[in-house]
Amino acid sequence: MTELYLLRHGETEWNKEQRFQGRLDSPLTDRGIRQAEAIGNYLSTTSFDRIITSTSERTFTTAQIVRGNRSIPIDNDPIWLKMSFEEWEGMKHDRIKEKWPNQWDSFWNDPISYQPQGNGESFSEVRLRAAKGIQRLLVECSNQCILLVSHTVTIKSIIACVEKRTPSQLWNPPYLHPTSLLKVDLEKDRVELLQTSHVNE
């Protein structure tokens, strides 16, 4: 059986500033680094065969911290990238809500009707990407223990695929704080929230 752990990256500067990141990037905050260190301690006795990240620096940095001094290969794959938001990327939440109130509302409350800006991704496109990624992992990482470090919507889409949730259920619990850790049971089509490192400032 393939063991799959899902981890959201640590807090970033743009998380702290309440900016949409998408395909753009920002570094981990000091708190984000401590979050990753705490999860690294929690996972220190888990024998991972591979760690896989998106191609964003924030996921790779988180993975390096979690790995510590262990000799576990880290690979990156763009299939696990954050949802593309186009014009929203780098903008603060309040500004997006003010400029695109209908899209903002549908993004959070009606994922089915959400229409992205420009060439941004829809939720269905991210879900399709996540489904392809899972199938790839099942083939390439059969009978391995894998840590996948990715992003909120991508992880939410993995959960939706595994648990066969409807598109309208995308934002159902669990809420993914920075460094939320989940374990996927692919035999029982179930995802379990294991740990979130709550680190004080």
Protein backbone atom coordinates (compact mmCIF):
# COMPACT_ATOMS: atom_id res chain seq x y z
CA MET A 1 0.00 0.00 0.00
CA THR A 2 1.17 3.52 -0.80
CA GLU A 3 1.27 5.73 2.29
CA LEU A 4 0.62 9.36 1.43
CA TYR A 5 1.02 12.28 3.82
CA LEU A 6 -0.17 15.74 2.75
CA LEU A 7 1.39 18.88 4.21
CA ARG A 8 0.56 22.51 3.60
CA HIS A 9 3.63 24.78 3.54
CA GLY A 10 4.51 27.00 6.49
CA GLU A 11 3.25 30.55 6.90
CA THR A 12 4.65 33.00 4.34
CA GLU A 13 5.01 36.77 4.27
CA TRP A 14 2.00 37.05 1.95
CA ASN A 15 -0.07 34.76 4.17
CA LYS A 16 0.67 37.15 7.01
CA GLU A 17 -0.22 40.18 4.84
CA GLN A 18 -3.39 38.46 3.58
CA ARG A 19 -2.33 38.48 -0.06
CA PHE A 20 -3.27 35.86 -2.65
CA GLN A 21 -0.15 34.00 -3.75
CA GLY A 22 -1.10 31.54 -6.48
CA ARG A 23 1.84 30.87 -8.79
CA LEU A 24 3.78 33.82 -7.38
CA ASP A 25 5.85 33.24 -4.27
CA SER A 26 6.88 34.78 -0.98
CA PRO A 27 9.31 33.48 1.66
CA LEU A 28 8.41 31.73 4.88
CA THR A 29 8.09 33.97 7.90
CA ASP A 30 10.06 33.20 11.05
CA ARG A 31 6.84 31.69 12.38
CA GLY A 32 6.51 29.60 9.21
CA ILE A 33 10.02 28.25 9.73
CA ARG A 34 9.19 27.32 13.32
CA GLN A 35 5.97 25.65 12.15
CA ALA A 36 7.95 23.52 9.70
CA GLU A 37 10.48 22.66 12.42
CA ALA A 38 7.65 21.54 14.72
CA ILE A 39 6.15 19.29 12.05
CA GLY A 40 9.64 18.00 11.28
CA ASN A 41 9.98 16.94 14.92
CA TYR A 42 6.55 15.30 14.79
CA LEU A 43 7.55 13.33 11.67
CA SER A 44 11.11 12.58 12.73
CA THR A 45 10.44 8.86 13.17
CA THR A 46 8.36 8.45 9.99
CA SER A 47 10.38 6.63 7.33
CA PHE A 48 9.63 8.48 4.11
CA ASP A 49 10.93 7.08 0.83
CA ARG A 50 10.44 10.37 -0.99
CA ILE A 51 9.33 13.93 -0.40
CA ILE A 52 7.53 15.64 -3.26
CA THR A 53 6.77 19.36 -3.50
CA SER A 54 5.29 21.78 -5.98
CA THR A 55 7.79 23.97 -7.84
CA SER A 56 7.09 26.89 -5.46
CA GLU A 57 9.94 27.88 -3.19
CA ARG A 58 7.68 27.98 -0.12
CA THR A 59 6.88 24.26 -0.42
CA PHE A 60 10.50 23.30 -1.14
CA THR A 61 11.79 25.31 1.84
CA THR A 62 9.16 23.72 4.09
CA ALA A 63 10.18 20.26 2.84
CA GLN A 64 13.87 20.91 3.50
CA ILE A 65 13.15 21.97 7.07
CA VAL A 66 10.88 18.98 7.73
CA ARG A 67 13.46 16.58 6.28
CA GLY A 68 16.20 17.94 8.52
CA ASN A 69 19.45 15.98 8.24
CA ARG A 70 17.83 12.81 6.90
CA SER A 71 18.87 11.59 3.45
CA ILE A 72 15.42 11.61 1.84
CA PRO A 73 15.25 12.75 -1.80
CA ILE A 74 13.10 15.81 -2.50
CA ASP A 75 11.53 16.05 -5.94
CA ASN A 76 9.35 18.86 -7.28
CA ASP A 77 6.51 18.59 -9.74
CA PRO A 78 4.41 21.43 -11.19
CA ILE A 79 1.29 19.26 -11.07
CA TRP A 80 1.12 20.11 -7.34
CA LEU A 81 1.30 23.89 -7.83
CA LYS A 82 -1.13 26.31 -6.22
CA MET A 83 -4.28 27.28 -8.10
CA SER A 84 -3.53 30.01 -10.64
CA PHE A 85 -5.32 33.29 -9.81
CA GLU A 86 -3.93 35.56 -12.55
CA GLU A 87 -4.71 39.21 -11.61
CA TRP A 88 -5.46 38.34 -7.99
CA GLU A 89 -1.91 37.18 -7.33
CA GLY A 90 -0.07 39.53 -4.99
CA MET A 91 -3.24 41.46 -4.17
CA LYS A 92 -4.65 41.83 -0.67
CA HIS A 93 -7.93 40.09 0.13
CA ASP A 94 -9.81 43.32 0.84
CA ARG A 95 -8.81 44.79 -2.52
CA ILE A 96 -9.94 41.69 -4.42
CA LYS A 97 -13.25 41.66 -2.56
CA GLU A 98 -13.77 45.33 -3.41
CA LYS A 99 -12.85 45.02 -7.09
CA TRP A 100 -14.46 41.64 -7.87
CA PRO A 101 -17.22 41.16 -5.26
CA ASN A 102 -19.19 38.54 -7.21
CA GLN A 103 -16.16 36.41 -8.03
CA TRP A 104 -14.90 36.74 -4.46
CA ASP A 105 -18.24 35.51 -3.13
CA SER A 106 -18.43 32.56 -5.52
CA PHE A 107 -14.79 31.62 -4.82
CA TRP A 108 -15.55 31.09 -1.13
CA ASN A 109 -19.24 30.18 -1.17
CA ASP A 110 -20.07 28.60 -4.53
CA PRO A 111 -16.97 26.97 -6.10
CA ILE A 112 -19.03 25.55 -8.99
CA SER A 113 -19.94 29.01 -10.29
CA TYR A 114 -16.52 30.61 -9.72
CA GLN A 115 -15.09 32.03 -12.96
CA PRO A 116 -11.36 32.84 -12.82
CA GLN A 117 -9.77 36.00 -14.13
CA GLY A 118 -8.07 35.73 -17.52
CA ASN A 119 -6.21 32.43 -17.82
CA GLY A 120 -6.59 31.55 -14.14
CA GLU A 121 -7.76 28.10 -13.11
CA SER A 122 -11.22 26.98 -12.14
CA PHE A 123 -11.75 24.62 -9.23
CA SER A 124 -12.64 21.82 -11.64
CA GLU A 125 -9.32 22.27 -13.45
CA VAL A 126 -7.38 22.02 -10.18
CA ARG A 127 -9.36 18.93 -9.21
CA LEU A 128 -8.56 17.29 -12.56
CA ARG A 129 -4.89 18.14 -12.06
CA ALA A 130 -4.97 16.65 -8.55
CA ALA A 131 -6.63 13.46 -9.81
CA LYS A 132 -3.91 13.02 -12.45
CA GLY A 133 -1.26 13.61 -9.80
CA ILE A 134 -2.71 10.95 -7.51
CA GLN A 135 -2.78 8.42 -10.34
CA ARG A 136 0.83 9.24 -11.14
CA LEU A 137 1.83 8.71 -7.51
CA LEU A 138 0.07 5.33 -7.39
CA VAL A 139 2.10 4.19 -10.40
CA GLU A 140 5.47 5.79 -9.61
CA CYS A 141 5.44 5.39 -5.82
CA SER A 142 3.71 2.05 -5.34
CA ASN A 143 4.26 0.64 -1.82
CA GLN A 144 6.25 3.70 -0.76
CA CYS A 145 5.76 6.22 2.04
CA ILE A 146 5.47 9.70 0.53
CA LEU A 147 5.30 13.20 1.98
CA LEU A 148 3.67 15.65 -0.42
CA VAL A 149 4.11 19.36 0.41
CA SER A 150 1.64 21.53 -1.46
CA HIS A 151 -0.98 24.29 -1.17
CA THR A 152 -4.47 24.74 0.27
CA VAL A 153 -6.67 24.44 -2.83
CA THR A 154 -4.52 21.67 -4.29
CA ILE A 155 -4.68 19.66 -1.06
CA LYS A 156 -8.39 20.37 -0.77
CA SER A 157 -8.77 19.03 -4.31
CA ILE A 158 -6.86 15.87 -3.40
CA ILE A 159 -9.19 15.39 -0.43
CA ALA A 160 -12.20 15.90 -2.72
CA CYS A 161 -10.90 13.28 -5.17
CA VAL A 162 -10.08 10.71 -2.50
CA GLU A 163 -13.29 11.15 -0.51
CA LYS A 164 -15.41 11.61 -3.67
CA ARG A 165 -16.75 14.93 -2.47
CA THR A 166 -18.93 17.00 -4.77
CA PRO A 167 -17.49 20.29 -6.10
CA SER A 168 -19.74 22.25 -3.73
CA GLN A 169 -18.10 20.48 -0.76
CA LEU A 170 -14.59 21.70 -1.54
CA TRP A 171 -14.37 24.05 1.47
CA ASN A 172 -15.83 21.54 3.93
CA PRO A 173 -13.61 20.78 6.97
CA PRO A 174 -10.83 20.28 7.75
CA TYR A 175 -9.53 23.85 7.63
CA LEU A 176 -5.91 23.84 6.50
CA HIS A 177 -3.74 26.07 8.66
CA PRO A 178 -0.08 26.47 7.62
CA THR A 179 1.68 23.11 8.12
CA SER A 180 -1.56 21.18 8.55
CA LEU A 181 -0.64 17.52 8.11
CA LEU A 182 -3.02 14.88 6.78
CA LYS A 183 -2.72 11.19 5.99
CA VAL A 184 -4.48 9.64 3.01
CA ASP A 185 -5.88 6.12 3.18
CA LEU A 186 -6.26 5.22 -0.49
CA GLU A 187 -7.77 1.82 0.33
CA LYS A 188 -10.62 3.27 2.38
CA ASP A 189 -10.97 6.55 0.42
CA ARG A 190 -10.42 8.57 3.58
CA VAL A 191 -8.25 11.49 4.67
CA GLU A 192 -7.35 12.04 8.34
CA LEU A 193 -6.06 15.30 9.83
CA LEU A 194 -3.05 14.33 11.94
CA GLN A 195 -1.47 17.51 13.20
CA THR A 196 -1.24 21.28 12.83
CA SER A 197 1.69 23.03 14.45
CA HIS A 198 0.36 26.01 16.38
CA VAL A 199 3.44 28.10 16.97
CA ASN A 200 3.32 31.35 18.95
CA GLU A 201 4.90 34.52 17.60
